[in-house]
């Protein structure tokens, strides 16, 4: 089969096939991590992003490439996770834009879409870096454009596209020295090629099946309660333009039925989440504004192995969502609200105590999606929402979400580490004008020194430092500066590099594997060698990183 054009059904098929191909191989992409640390998540982020796109199109009955492309684009944008996921969503949503007003797309249009996707992806990144997925997609699209004609078969041109993409991927270490030093190619580019390979296989009629993966299931203790939890009710309404939609009125109508209400809307759809004992009434209210595009109702009363509803400490809700203290009804609109991304119960408690309204559970290996940020922002009744990502790989999703919120002023602070986010909150003053508050918080973000300790997952050499699998790595401001066989030696060496004569405060957040004996050894080391600094130890209970350190 050498098609010269595709319709909506074929577009759905090849997107799904590309996604399955990536899902089956995403761990290979995760392992292509520049740093030899256990937080490789590029493959997982790209997989989750693609699955959001697939979920948006798989039940779509429309058969035009325009309709399928539009649904795909929306699903990708809302489900984008991590920097790699956001860039991927831009590549494919730009690709889909080329199908506007079309029922079918010929080969030239298909390649024009790939070219437009590159343009959109470059525009979404503030400082595009060559030697990444951007380069791979750009060079492949340029090559395909150079050979396509009005009479070209799509498979023939995509074979050229794929060949150049692979060649471009092999050149990425020449463009990014850190890739060459680590002995890897760009992980995002590699993941993109796997998707393209799956799409091409689909065009040839070779359909993939999802590999059976082994999952480790944690046993939960049953929680007995007489409380009636009701139903977690979620649905999406395709808004009827002839019916006057009022988001505030809809929200007020839902408040009479239940709680944990989230209403997110644009010009065409409205997504609703509510916990209620009368799900039918909620559906009737939603249907006043249009027709259902999707809906899900879960009986929370039967899910008694989860955490109790509305605990004062926050935590996981029985519906599976992360509901912190902000879920309680807020009658008075505040000047400020704060959203942050944190993993580790101790760290969550600390950030709540510092004034955070909503915590998205995540960070390393668990990057929240654009939709997760939008949902969190919508839950807070405030004029100005400060978003603190605490992770460089979360920044793009947060910034992308901010563009989709219209009724609140959303500011994404440039905090790329837990240490930076923690430091910024020490300067937060709700009584100050907005500009002064942001200036002071960003000033501390720029001046705080960040340290992290974790273990190496492979042998390598970075910045002249020889690393063996199992070594403990000391990371200063994103750069590996020490590798030791013993963890206490690594954190001590890191502390020596972080503290200087101007340092006044060191905050050490302890991971869940650090015991009391090791903590006391570190405390004594700091007190004996750096008596001029004030030490604060926090039981963060975070995973992946044994120590998170902030020096001010």
Protein backbone atom coordinates (compact mmCIF):
# COMPACT_ATOMS: atom_id res chain seq x y z
CA UNK A 1 0.00 0.00 0.00
CA UNK A 2 1.47 3.34 -1.13
CA UNK A 3 -1.18 5.95 -0.34
CA UNK A 4 -1.05 9.39 -1.90
CA UNK A 5 -3.56 10.78 0.59
CA UNK A 6 -5.03 9.93 3.97
CA UNK A 7 -8.42 10.45 5.59
CA UNK A 8 -9.32 10.86 9.24
CA UNK A 9 -9.56 7.15 9.96
CA UNK A 10 -6.12 6.45 8.56
CA UNK A 11 -4.71 9.42 10.49
CA UNK A 12 -6.15 7.98 13.70
CA UNK A 13 -4.71 4.56 12.93
CA UNK A 14 -1.15 5.73 12.32
CA UNK A 15 -1.13 8.03 15.36
CA UNK A 16 -2.32 5.15 17.53
CA UNK A 17 0.28 2.82 16.02
CA UNK A 18 3.05 5.32 16.64
CA UNK A 19 1.89 5.74 20.22
CA UNK A 20 1.84 1.99 20.88
CA UNK A 21 5.34 1.70 19.41
CA UNK A 22 6.56 4.37 21.82
CA UNK A 23 4.69 2.87 24.76
CA UNK A 24 6.36 -0.49 24.16
CA UNK A 25 9.82 1.10 24.04
CA UNK A 26 9.51 4.10 26.36
CA UNK A 27 11.91 2.66 28.94
CA UNK A 28 14.65 2.58 26.31
CA UNK A 29 14.14 6.33 25.90
CA UNK A 30 14.13 6.84 29.66
CA UNK A 31 17.52 5.16 29.81
CA UNK A 32 18.99 7.68 27.34
CA UNK A 33 19.57 10.08 30.19
CA UNK A 34 22.50 12.48 30.02
CA UNK A 35 23.03 12.32 33.76
CA UNK A 36 23.46 8.78 35.13
CA UNK A 37 20.77 9.40 37.76
CA UNK A 38 17.52 7.47 38.37
CA UNK A 39 15.17 10.18 37.09
CA UNK A 40 15.11 9.54 33.35
CA UNK A 41 11.54 10.29 32.32
CA UNK A 42 11.64 11.53 28.71
CA UNK A 43 10.10 8.32 27.38
CA UNK A 44 7.41 8.29 30.06
CA UNK A 45 6.54 11.95 29.42
CA UNK A 46 6.33 11.48 25.66
CA UNK A 47 4.25 8.33 26.09
CA UNK A 48 1.78 10.03 28.43
CA UNK A 49 1.51 13.00 26.09
CA UNK A 50 0.77 10.76 23.10
CA UNK A 51 -1.78 8.74 25.07
CA UNK A 52 -3.66 11.96 25.84
CA UNK A 53 -3.83 12.62 22.11
CA UNK A 54 -4.95 9.07 21.35
CA UNK A 55 -7.65 9.22 24.03
CA UNK A 56 -8.99 12.36 22.37
CA UNK A 57 -9.35 10.75 18.94
CA UNK A 58 -10.00 7.05 19.43
CA UNK A 59 -13.77 7.37 19.90
CA UNK A 60 -14.16 10.23 17.44
CA UNK A 61 -16.68 9.38 14.73
CA UNK A 62 -15.63 12.19 12.40
CA UNK A 63 -13.73 11.00 9.31
CA UNK A 64 -12.07 14.24 8.16
CA UNK A 65 -8.40 14.94 8.81
CA UNK A 66 -9.42 18.39 10.03
CA UNK A 67 -11.64 17.05 12.84
CA UNK A 68 -9.22 14.30 13.84
CA UNK A 69 -6.31 16.73 13.77
CA UNK A 70 -8.16 19.27 15.88
CA UNK A 71 -9.08 16.68 18.53
CA UNK A 72 -5.54 15.30 18.49
CA UNK A 73 -4.09 18.76 18.97
CA UNK A 74 -6.33 19.53 21.94
CA UNK A 75 -5.60 16.20 23.59
CA UNK A 76 -1.85 16.62 23.16
CA UNK A 77 -1.77 20.17 24.43
CA UNK A 78 -3.77 19.42 27.56
CA UNK A 79 -1.92 16.19 28.30
CA UNK A 80 1.62 17.42 27.62
CA UNK A 81 4.07 16.37 30.36
CA UNK A 82 7.61 17.61 30.82
CA UNK A 83 9.65 19.62 28.36
CA UNK A 84 9.84 16.72 25.91
CA UNK A 85 6.06 16.25 26.06
CA UNK A 86 5.35 19.94 25.50
CA UNK A 87 7.70 20.10 22.51
CA UNK A 88 6.19 16.89 21.10
CA UNK A 89 2.68 18.32 21.53
CA UNK A 90 3.71 21.43 19.62
CA UNK A 91 5.27 19.41 16.79
CA UNK A 92 2.11 17.35 16.29
CA UNK A 93 -0.45 20.08 16.95
CA UNK A 94 1.32 22.23 14.36
CA UNK A 95 1.30 19.20 12.07
CA UNK A 96 -2.46 18.87 12.55
CA UNK A 97 -3.00 22.58 11.83
CA UNK A 98 -2.10 21.94 8.18
CA UNK A 99 -5.30 19.88 7.84
CA UNK A 100 -7.61 22.83 8.51
CA UNK A 101 -10.74 22.75 6.28
CA UNK A 102 -9.66 19.44 4.70
CA UNK A 103 -11.41 16.07 4.55
CA UNK A 104 -8.30 14.32 3.24
CA UNK A 105 -4.63 15.28 3.04
CA UNK A 106 -2.23 14.50 0.22
CA UNK A 107 1.49 13.86 0.63
CA UNK A 108 2.51 17.48 0.09
CA UNK A 109 0.05 18.65 2.75
CA UNK A 110 1.26 15.95 5.15
CA UNK A 111 4.87 17.13 4.79
CA UNK A 112 3.79 20.77 5.03
CA UNK A 113 2.20 19.83 8.36
CA UNK A 114 5.47 18.36 9.61
CA UNK A 115 7.22 21.59 8.57
CA UNK A 116 4.64 23.77 10.31
CA UNK A 117 4.94 21.64 13.44
CA UNK A 118 8.66 22.40 13.56
CA UNK A 119 7.96 26.11 13.29
CA UNK A 120 5.41 25.95 16.09
CA UNK A 121 7.69 23.88 18.35
CA UNK A 122 10.62 26.28 17.91
CA UNK A 123 8.31 29.17 18.73
CA UNK A 124 7.16 27.50 21.96
CA UNK A 125 10.69 27.23 23.37
CA UNK A 126 12.19 30.47 24.67
CA UNK A 127 15.79 29.44 23.95
CA UNK A 128 15.76 26.58 21.41
CA UNK A 129 18.77 24.29 21.69
CA UNK A 130 20.16 22.43 18.68
CA UNK A 131 21.06 18.78 19.08
CA UNK A 132 17.62 17.98 20.46
CA UNK A 133 14.27 16.71 19.18
CA UNK A 134 13.85 20.13 17.52
CA UNK A 135 16.87 19.54 15.31
CA UNK A 136 15.82 16.01 14.42
CA UNK A 137 12.30 17.11 13.42
CA UNK A 138 13.56 20.16 11.51
CA UNK A 139 16.23 18.43 9.46
CA UNK A 140 13.95 15.51 8.62
CA UNK A 141 11.14 17.84 7.52
CA UNK A 142 13.53 19.91 5.39
CA UNK A 143 14.77 16.78 3.64
CA UNK A 144 11.24 15.49 3.00
CA UNK A 145 10.17 18.87 1.63
CA UNK A 146 13.08 18.81 -0.82
CA UNK A 147 11.90 15.56 -2.45
CA UNK A 148 8.10 15.78 -2.30
CA UNK A 149 6.09 16.40 -5.48
CA UNK A 150 2.41 16.67 -6.24
CA UNK A 151 2.45 13.01 -7.31
CA UNK A 152 4.52 11.59 -4.43
CA UNK A 153 3.47 8.52 -2.50
CA UNK A 154 3.36 9.25 1.20
CA UNK A 155 5.36 6.15 2.18
CA UNK A 156 8.17 6.99 -0.23
CA UNK A 157 8.56 10.48 1.19
CA UNK A 158 8.27 9.33 4.80
CA UNK A 159 11.01 6.80 4.20
CA UNK A 160 13.25 9.71 3.21
CA UNK A 161 12.02 11.64 6.26
CA UNK A 162 12.82 8.74 8.61
CA UNK A 163 16.26 8.12 7.11
CA UNK A 164 17.22 11.77 7.63
CA UNK A 165 15.73 11.80 11.14
CA UNK A 166 17.96 8.89 12.12
CA UNK A 167 21.00 10.56 10.59
CA UNK A 168 20.16 13.76 12.42
CA UNK A 169 19.78 11.87 15.69
CA UNK A 170 23.24 10.37 15.23
CA UNK A 171 24.61 13.90 14.78
CA UNK A 172 23.10 15.26 18.00
CA UNK A 173 26.23 14.48 20.09
CA UNK A 174 28.24 16.72 17.72
CA UNK A 175 25.89 19.60 18.51
CA UNK A 176 25.59 19.03 22.25
CA UNK A 177 28.91 18.21 23.92
CA UNK A 178 27.14 16.88 27.01
CA UNK A 179 25.60 14.13 24.86
CA UNK A 180 28.98 13.15 23.43
CA UNK A 181 30.58 13.12 26.87
CA UNK A 182 27.81 10.88 28.22
CA UNK A 183 27.90 8.59 25.19
CA UNK A 184 24.21 8.99 24.29
CA UNK A 185 22.06 10.57 21.58
CA UNK A 186 19.21 12.96 22.34
CA UNK A 187 16.41 11.07 24.08
CA UNK A 188 13.60 13.28 22.79
CA UNK A 189 14.76 12.86 19.20
CA UNK A 190 15.00 9.09 19.70
CA UNK A 191 11.45 8.96 21.07
CA UNK A 192 10.15 11.02 18.15
CA UNK A 193 11.72 8.58 15.68
CA UNK A 194 10.04 5.64 17.41
CA UNK A 195 6.68 7.39 16.95
CA UNK A 196 7.40 8.05 13.27
CA UNK A 197 8.47 4.41 12.76
CA UNK A 198 5.15 3.30 14.24
CA UNK A 199 3.22 5.65 11.98
CA UNK A 200 5.04 4.38 8.88
CA UNK A 201 4.42 0.77 9.94
CA UNK A 202 0.73 1.60 10.27
CA UNK A 203 0.67 2.95 6.72
CA UNK A 204 2.13 -0.35 5.57
CA UNK A 205 -0.55 -2.27 7.44
CA UNK A 206 1.73 -3.49 10.24
CA UNK A 207 -0.26 -2.83 13.41
CA UNK A 208 1.40 -3.14 16.81
CA UNK A 209 -0.06 -4.48 20.03
CA UNK A 210 0.77 -3.17 23.46
CA UNK A 211 3.43 -5.26 25.18
CA UNK A 212 2.37 -6.92 28.40
CA UNK A 213 4.26 -5.09 31.09
CA UNK A 214 4.71 -6.29 34.64
CA UNK A 215 3.47 -3.82 37.21
CA UNK A 216 4.21 -3.93 40.91
CA UNK A 217 0.99 -3.48 42.82
CA UNK A 218 1.17 -2.18 46.37
CA UNK A 219 -1.32 -3.69 48.79
CA UNK A 220 -3.60 -1.17 50.48
CA UNK A 221 -5.09 -1.54 53.91
CA UNK A 222 -8.86 -1.30 53.92
CA UNK A 223 -10.35 1.76 55.60
CA UNK A 224 -13.66 1.19 57.27
CA UNK A 225 -16.09 4.06 57.44
CA UNK A 226 -19.82 4.65 57.54
CA UNK A 227 -19.48 7.91 55.60
CA UNK A 228 -21.21 8.09 52.22
CA UNK A 229 -18.66 9.37 49.72
CA UNK A 230 -20.94 9.70 46.71
CA UNK A 231 -19.70 9.76 43.14
CA UNK A 232 -16.64 11.24 41.48
CA UNK A 233 -18.30 12.70 38.37
CA UNK A 234 -16.27 13.94 35.42
CA UNK A 235 -17.52 14.91 31.99
CA UNK A 236 -16.69 17.07 28.99
CA UNK A 237 -19.39 19.12 27.26
CA UNK A 238 -19.12 20.14 23.62
CA UNK A 239 -20.59 23.63 24.00
CA UNK A 240 -23.57 24.58 21.88
CA UNK A 241 -22.83 28.05 20.48
CA UNK A 242 -26.55 28.85 20.39
CA UNK A 243 -26.84 28.30 24.14
CA UNK A 244 -25.39 31.09 26.24
CA UNK A 245 -22.62 29.60 28.36
CA UNK A 246 -21.71 31.23 31.66
CA UNK A 247 -18.92 29.52 33.54
CA UNK A 248 -19.61 31.30 36.85
CA UNK A 249 -23.29 30.40 36.75
CA UNK A 250 -22.49 26.78 35.96
CA UNK A 251 -20.05 26.64 38.88
CA UNK A 252 -22.65 28.07 41.28
CA UNK A 253 -25.21 25.51 40.08
CA UNK A 254 -22.75 22.70 40.80
CA UNK A 255 -21.91 23.98 44.29
CA UNK A 256 -25.45 23.11 45.36
CA UNK A 257 -24.84 19.49 44.43
CA UNK A 258 -21.42 18.74 45.89
CA UNK A 259 -17.83 19.78 46.34
CA UNK A 260 -14.32 19.36 44.85
CA UNK A 261 -15.59 21.29 41.85
CA UNK A 262 -13.35 22.03 38.88
CA UNK A 263 -14.68 23.80 35.77
CA UNK A 264 -12.27 24.40 32.87
CA UNK A 265 -13.59 25.86 29.63
CA UNK A 266 -12.59 27.43 26.32
CA UNK A 267 -14.68 28.54 23.36
CA UNK A 268 -15.69 25.02 22.38
CA UNK A 269 -15.58 22.63 25.33
CA UNK A 270 -16.08 22.61 29.07
CA UNK A 271 -14.51 20.03 31.40
CA UNK A 272 -16.28 19.47 34.73
CA UNK A 273 -15.29 17.55 37.88
CA UNK A 274 -17.56 17.31 40.93
CA UNK A 275 -18.07 15.01 43.90
CA UNK A 276 -21.79 14.56 44.48
CA UNK A 277 -24.38 12.07 45.68
CA UNK A 278 -26.52 13.07 42.67
CA UNK A 279 -24.44 12.57 39.54
CA UNK A 280 -27.52 12.60 37.35
CA UNK A 281 -28.36 16.15 38.46
CA UNK A 282 -24.82 17.27 37.62
CA UNK A 283 -25.10 15.72 34.16
CA UNK A 284 -28.46 17.43 33.59
CA UNK A 285 -26.94 20.81 34.46
CA UNK A 286 -24.02 20.24 32.12
CA UNK A 287 -26.28 19.21 29.28
CA UNK A 288 -28.01 22.59 29.43
CA UNK A 289 -24.96 23.98 27.64
CA UNK A 290 -24.27 21.31 25.04
CA UNK A 291 -23.72 17.63 24.42
CA UNK A 292 -21.43 15.16 26.16
CA UNK A 293 -18.07 14.47 24.54
CA UNK A 294 -16.93 12.20 27.35
CA UNK A 295 -18.05 11.23 30.84
CA UNK A 296 -16.93 9.08 33.79
CA UNK A 297 -18.72 8.34 37.07
CA UNK A 298 -17.04 6.39 39.88
CA UNK A 299 -18.69 5.25 43.12
CA UNK A 300 -16.26 6.46 45.79
CA UNK A 301 -18.15 4.66 48.54
CA UNK A 302 -16.94 1.37 47.09
CA UNK A 303 -13.33 2.51 46.87
CA UNK A 304 -12.73 2.10 50.59
CA UNK A 305 -9.10 1.06 50.21
CA UNK A 306 -8.17 4.69 49.51
CA UNK A 307 -7.65 7.60 51.88
CA UNK A 308 -10.63 9.12 53.74
CA UNK A 309 -12.32 12.15 52.21
CA UNK A 310 -11.32 15.69 53.12
CA UNK A 311 -8.65 15.04 55.72
CA UNK A 312 -7.28 18.19 57.21
CA UNK A 313 -3.78 17.21 56.06
CA UNK A 314 -4.69 16.93 52.39
CA UNK A 315 -3.38 13.92 50.47
CA UNK A 316 -4.92 11.55 48.00
CA UNK A 317 -8.65 11.56 47.55
CA UNK A 318 -10.64 8.39 47.13
CA UNK A 319 -11.20 9.31 43.51
CA UNK A 320 -7.47 9.07 42.90
CA UNK A 321 -6.81 12.79 42.55
CA UNK A 322 -4.49 14.77 44.76
CA UNK A 323 -6.64 17.07 46.88
CA UNK A 324 -4.78 19.34 49.26
CA UNK A 325 -6.32 21.87 51.69
CA UNK A 326 -7.45 24.04 48.77
CA UNK A 327 -10.43 21.77 48.00
CA UNK A 328 -12.49 23.43 50.72
CA UNK A 329 -14.93 26.02 49.53
CA UNK A 330 -13.42 29.49 49.29
CA UNK A 331 -16.10 32.20 49.48
CA UNK A 332 -13.73 35.17 49.54
CA UNK A 333 -11.52 35.80 46.54
CA UNK A 334 -7.95 36.35 47.68
CA UNK A 335 -5.19 38.45 46.20
CA UNK A 336 -2.74 35.56 45.91
CA UNK A 337 -2.85 31.82 45.45
CA UNK A 338 0.13 29.48 45.14
CA UNK A 339 0.51 26.22 43.20
CA UNK A 340 3.64 24.11 43.39
CA UNK A 341 4.94 20.68 42.36
CA UNK A 342 6.33 18.51 45.16
CA UNK A 343 6.94 14.84 45.89
CA UNK A 344 7.49 13.52 49.42
CA UNK A 345 5.09 13.79 52.35
CA UNK A 346 7.51 15.80 54.47
CA UNK A 347 8.12 18.28 51.68
CA UNK A 348 4.41 18.60 51.05
CA UNK A 349 3.75 19.42 54.69
CA UNK A 350 6.52 21.99 54.63
CA UNK A 351 5.23 23.73 51.51
CA UNK A 352 1.67 23.81 52.84
CA UNK A 353 2.96 25.39 56.05
CA UNK A 354 4.69 28.05 53.95
CA UNK A 355 1.39 29.13 52.42
CA UNK A 356 0.97 26.97 49.32
CA UNK A 357 -2.69 26.46 48.41
CA UNK A 358 -2.39 23.47 46.12
CA UNK A 359 0.37 20.91 45.62
CA UNK A 360 0.56 18.82 42.47
CA UNK A 361 2.13 15.52 43.37
CA UNK A 362 5.13 15.05 41.13
CA UNK A 363 8.55 16.27 40.11
CA UNK A 364 11.31 13.89 39.09
CA UNK A 365 9.94 10.93 37.10
CA UNK A 366 6.37 12.21 37.63
CA UNK A 367 5.96 15.36 35.55
CA UNK A 368 2.46 16.86 35.72
CA UNK A 369 0.60 17.68 32.53
CA UNK A 370 -0.62 21.03 31.26
CA UNK A 371 -4.12 19.99 32.30
CA UNK A 372 -2.92 19.20 35.84
CA UNK A 373 -1.70 22.78 36.17
CA UNK A 374 -4.89 24.23 34.72
CA UNK A 375 -7.02 22.17 37.12
CA UNK A 376 -4.93 23.30 40.09
CA UNK A 377 -5.10 26.95 39.08
CA UNK A 378 -8.86 26.79 38.58
CA UNK A 379 -9.38 25.39 42.09
CA UNK A 380 -7.94 28.47 43.78
CA UNK A 381 -10.16 31.52 44.23
CA UNK A 382 -7.54 34.25 43.80
CA UNK A 383 -6.71 37.08 41.40
CA UNK A 384 -3.02 36.24 41.10
CA UNK A 385 -1.76 32.66 40.97
CA UNK A 386 1.94 32.02 41.56
CA UNK A 387 3.09 28.72 40.05
CA UNK A 388 6.35 27.29 41.44
CA UNK A 389 7.45 24.32 39.24
CA UNK A 390 10.46 23.22 41.38
CA UNK A 391 11.78 21.28 38.40
CA UNK A 392 13.27 22.40 35.10
CA UNK A 393 11.42 19.63 33.25
CA UNK A 394 8.08 20.92 34.50
CA UNK A 395 8.61 24.54 33.47
CA UNK A 396 7.22 24.34 29.92
CA UNK A 397 4.00 22.59 31.00
CA UNK A 398 3.44 25.26 33.66
CA UNK A 399 4.09 28.09 31.21
CA UNK A 400 1.83 26.47 28.64
CA UNK A 401 -0.98 26.12 31.18
CA UNK A 402 -0.67 29.79 32.15
CA UNK A 403 -1.55 30.77 28.57
CA UNK A 404 -4.84 28.86 28.77
CA UNK A 405 -6.18 30.54 31.92
CA UNK A 406 -8.10 33.72 31.17
CA UNK A 407 -9.81 34.81 34.39
CA UNK A 408 -6.68 34.92 36.60
CA UNK A 409 -3.25 36.46 36.39
CA UNK A 410 -0.87 33.49 36.37
CA UNK A 411 2.84 34.00 37.04
CA UNK A 412 5.23 31.06 36.62
CA UNK A 413 8.29 31.60 38.79
CA UNK A 414 11.63 30.33 37.38
CA UNK A 415 12.22 27.86 40.23
CA UNK A 416 13.89 24.79 38.70
CA UNK A 417 14.74 22.99 41.95
CA UNK A 418 13.07 22.31 45.28
CA UNK A 419 15.75 24.46 46.91
CA UNK A 420 14.86 27.42 44.70
CA UNK A 421 11.14 27.00 45.30
CA UNK A 422 11.66 26.71 49.04
CA UNK A 423 13.87 29.80 49.12
CA UNK A 424 11.39 31.85 47.08
CA UNK A 425 8.58 31.11 49.53
CA UNK A 426 10.62 32.48 52.42
CA UNK A 427 10.29 35.87 50.69
CA UNK A 428 6.57 35.62 49.91
CA UNK A 429 4.57 38.45 51.47
CA UNK A 430 0.85 38.53 50.67
CA UNK A 431 0.61 42.14 51.83
CA UNK A 432 3.07 43.48 49.27
CA UNK A 433 2.21 44.71 45.76
CA UNK A 434 2.50 42.02 43.10
CA UNK A 435 5.62 43.39 41.37
CA UNK A 436 7.56 43.71 44.62
CA UNK A 437 6.58 40.20 45.69
CA UNK A 438 7.67 38.67 42.39
CA UNK A 439 10.93 40.66 42.31
CA UNK A 440 11.91 39.53 45.81
CA UNK A 441 11.00 35.89 45.17
CA UNK A 442 12.85 35.77 41.85
CA UNK A 443 15.87 37.49 43.39
CA UNK A 444 16.27 34.70 45.93
CA UNK A 445 15.69 32.04 43.25
CA UNK A 446 18.62 33.50 41.33
CA UNK A 447 20.93 33.62 44.35
CA UNK A 448 20.21 30.41 46.28
CA UNK A 449 22.60 27.52 45.71
CA UNK A 450 20.96 24.16 45.04
CA UNK A 451 22.44 20.80 45.96
CA UNK A 452 21.22 17.24 45.37
CA UNK A 453 22.54 13.79 46.17
CA UNK A 454 21.40 10.63 44.40
CA UNK A 455 22.97 7.42 43.09
CA UNK A 456 24.40 6.64 39.66
CA UNK A 457 22.59 4.12 37.48
CA UNK A 458 25.46 3.47 35.07
CA UNK A 459 29.21 3.90 34.55
CA UNK A 460 30.20 7.08 32.74
CA UNK A 461 32.45 10.14 32.85
CA UNK A 462 31.13 13.71 33.08
CA UNK A 463 33.16 16.90 33.42
CA UNK A 464 36.25 14.78 34.02
CA UNK A 465 34.60 12.94 36.91
CA UNK A 466 34.69 9.16 36.59
CA UNK A 467 31.41 7.67 37.79
CA UNK A 468 30.69 4.05 38.62
CA UNK A 469 27.24 2.53 38.84
CA UNK A 470 26.07 2.73 42.46
CA UNK A 471 28.22 5.76 43.34
CA UNK A 472 26.56 8.65 45.14
CA UNK A 473 26.60 11.83 43.08
CA UNK A 474 26.77 15.34 44.45
CA UNK A 475 25.04 17.81 42.13
CA UNK A 476 25.55 21.58 42.49
CA UNK A 477 23.23 23.88 40.54
CA UNK A 478 22.52 21.12 38.01
CA UNK A 479 26.12 20.00 37.52
CA UNK A 480 27.67 16.79 38.88
CA UNK A 481 30.70 17.87 40.91
CA UNK A 482 31.46 14.80 43.05
CA UNK A 483 31.08 11.03 42.93
CA UNK A 484 31.74 8.88 46.01
CA UNK A 485 31.14 5.25 46.93
CA UNK A 486 29.66 6.30 50.29
CA UNK A 487 26.67 8.60 50.52
CA UNK A 488 27.84 10.49 53.64
CA UNK A 489 31.13 11.29 51.92
CA UNK A 490 29.31 12.58 48.85
CA UNK A 491 26.99 14.88 50.77
CA UNK A 492 29.87 16.20 52.90
CA UNK A 493 31.93 16.98 49.80
CA UNK A 494 28.89 18.67 48.22
CA UNK A 495 28.29 20.82 51.31
CA UNK A 496 31.91 21.96 51.19
CA UNK A 497 31.35 23.17 47.64
CA UNK A 498 28.05 24.90 48.41
CA UNK A 499 29.05 26.90 51.50
CA UNK A 500 31.30 29.94 51.19
CA UNK A 501 32.17 32.92 53.38
CA UNK A 502 28.94 34.73 52.47
CA UNK A 503 26.64 31.80 53.25
CA UNK A 504 24.28 32.30 56.18
CA UNK A 505 21.69 29.51 56.07
CA UNK A 506 21.80 25.89 54.91
CA UNK A 507 18.58 23.90 54.68
CA UNK A 508 18.93 20.14 54.24
CA UNK A 509 15.90 18.08 53.21
CA UNK A 510 16.35 14.41 54.00
CA UNK A 511 15.15 11.64 51.71
CA UNK A 512 13.18 8.65 52.92
CA UNK A 513 16.29 6.40 52.94
CA UNK A 514 18.41 8.61 55.25
CA UNK A 515 18.43 7.26 58.81
CA UNK A 516 18.92 9.16 62.06
CA UNK A 517 22.53 8.07 62.47
CA UNK A 518 23.54 9.47 59.08
CA UNK A 519 21.58 12.64 59.73
CA UNK A 520 23.47 13.22 62.99
CA UNK A 521 26.82 12.62 61.25
CA UNK A 522 25.96 15.29 58.69
CA UNK A 523 24.74 17.68 61.38
CA UNK A 524 28.02 17.31 63.31
CA UNK A 525 30.08 17.77 60.14
CA UNK A 526 28.35 21.06 59.33
CA UNK A 527 28.48 22.36 62.91
CA UNK A 528 32.18 21.50 63.26
CA UNK A 529 33.28 22.94 59.91
CA UNK A 530 30.82 25.74 59.18
CA UNK A 531 29.80 27.21 62.50
CA UNK A 532 28.95 30.54 60.81
CA UNK A 533 25.88 29.10 59.05
CA UNK A 534 22.48 28.35 60.53
CA UNK A 535 21.46 24.73 59.90
CA UNK A 536 17.88 23.56 59.35
CA UNK A 537 17.13 19.87 58.85
CA UNK A 538 13.81 18.85 57.31
CA UNK A 539 12.51 15.30 57.03
CA UNK A 540 11.35 15.62 53.43
CA UNK A 541 10.69 11.89 52.86
CA UNK A 542 11.34 12.45 49.13
CA UNK A 543 12.31 9.61 46.81
CA UNK A 544 15.03 9.56 44.10
CA UNK A 545 17.14 12.26 45.79
CA UNK A 546 18.56 11.35 49.20
CA UNK A 547 19.42 14.95 49.99
CA UNK A 548 18.07 18.25 48.71
CA UNK A 549 20.05 21.25 49.91
CA UNK A 550 19.47 25.02 49.78
CA UNK A 551 22.24 27.44 50.75
CA UNK A 552 21.47 31.14 51.13
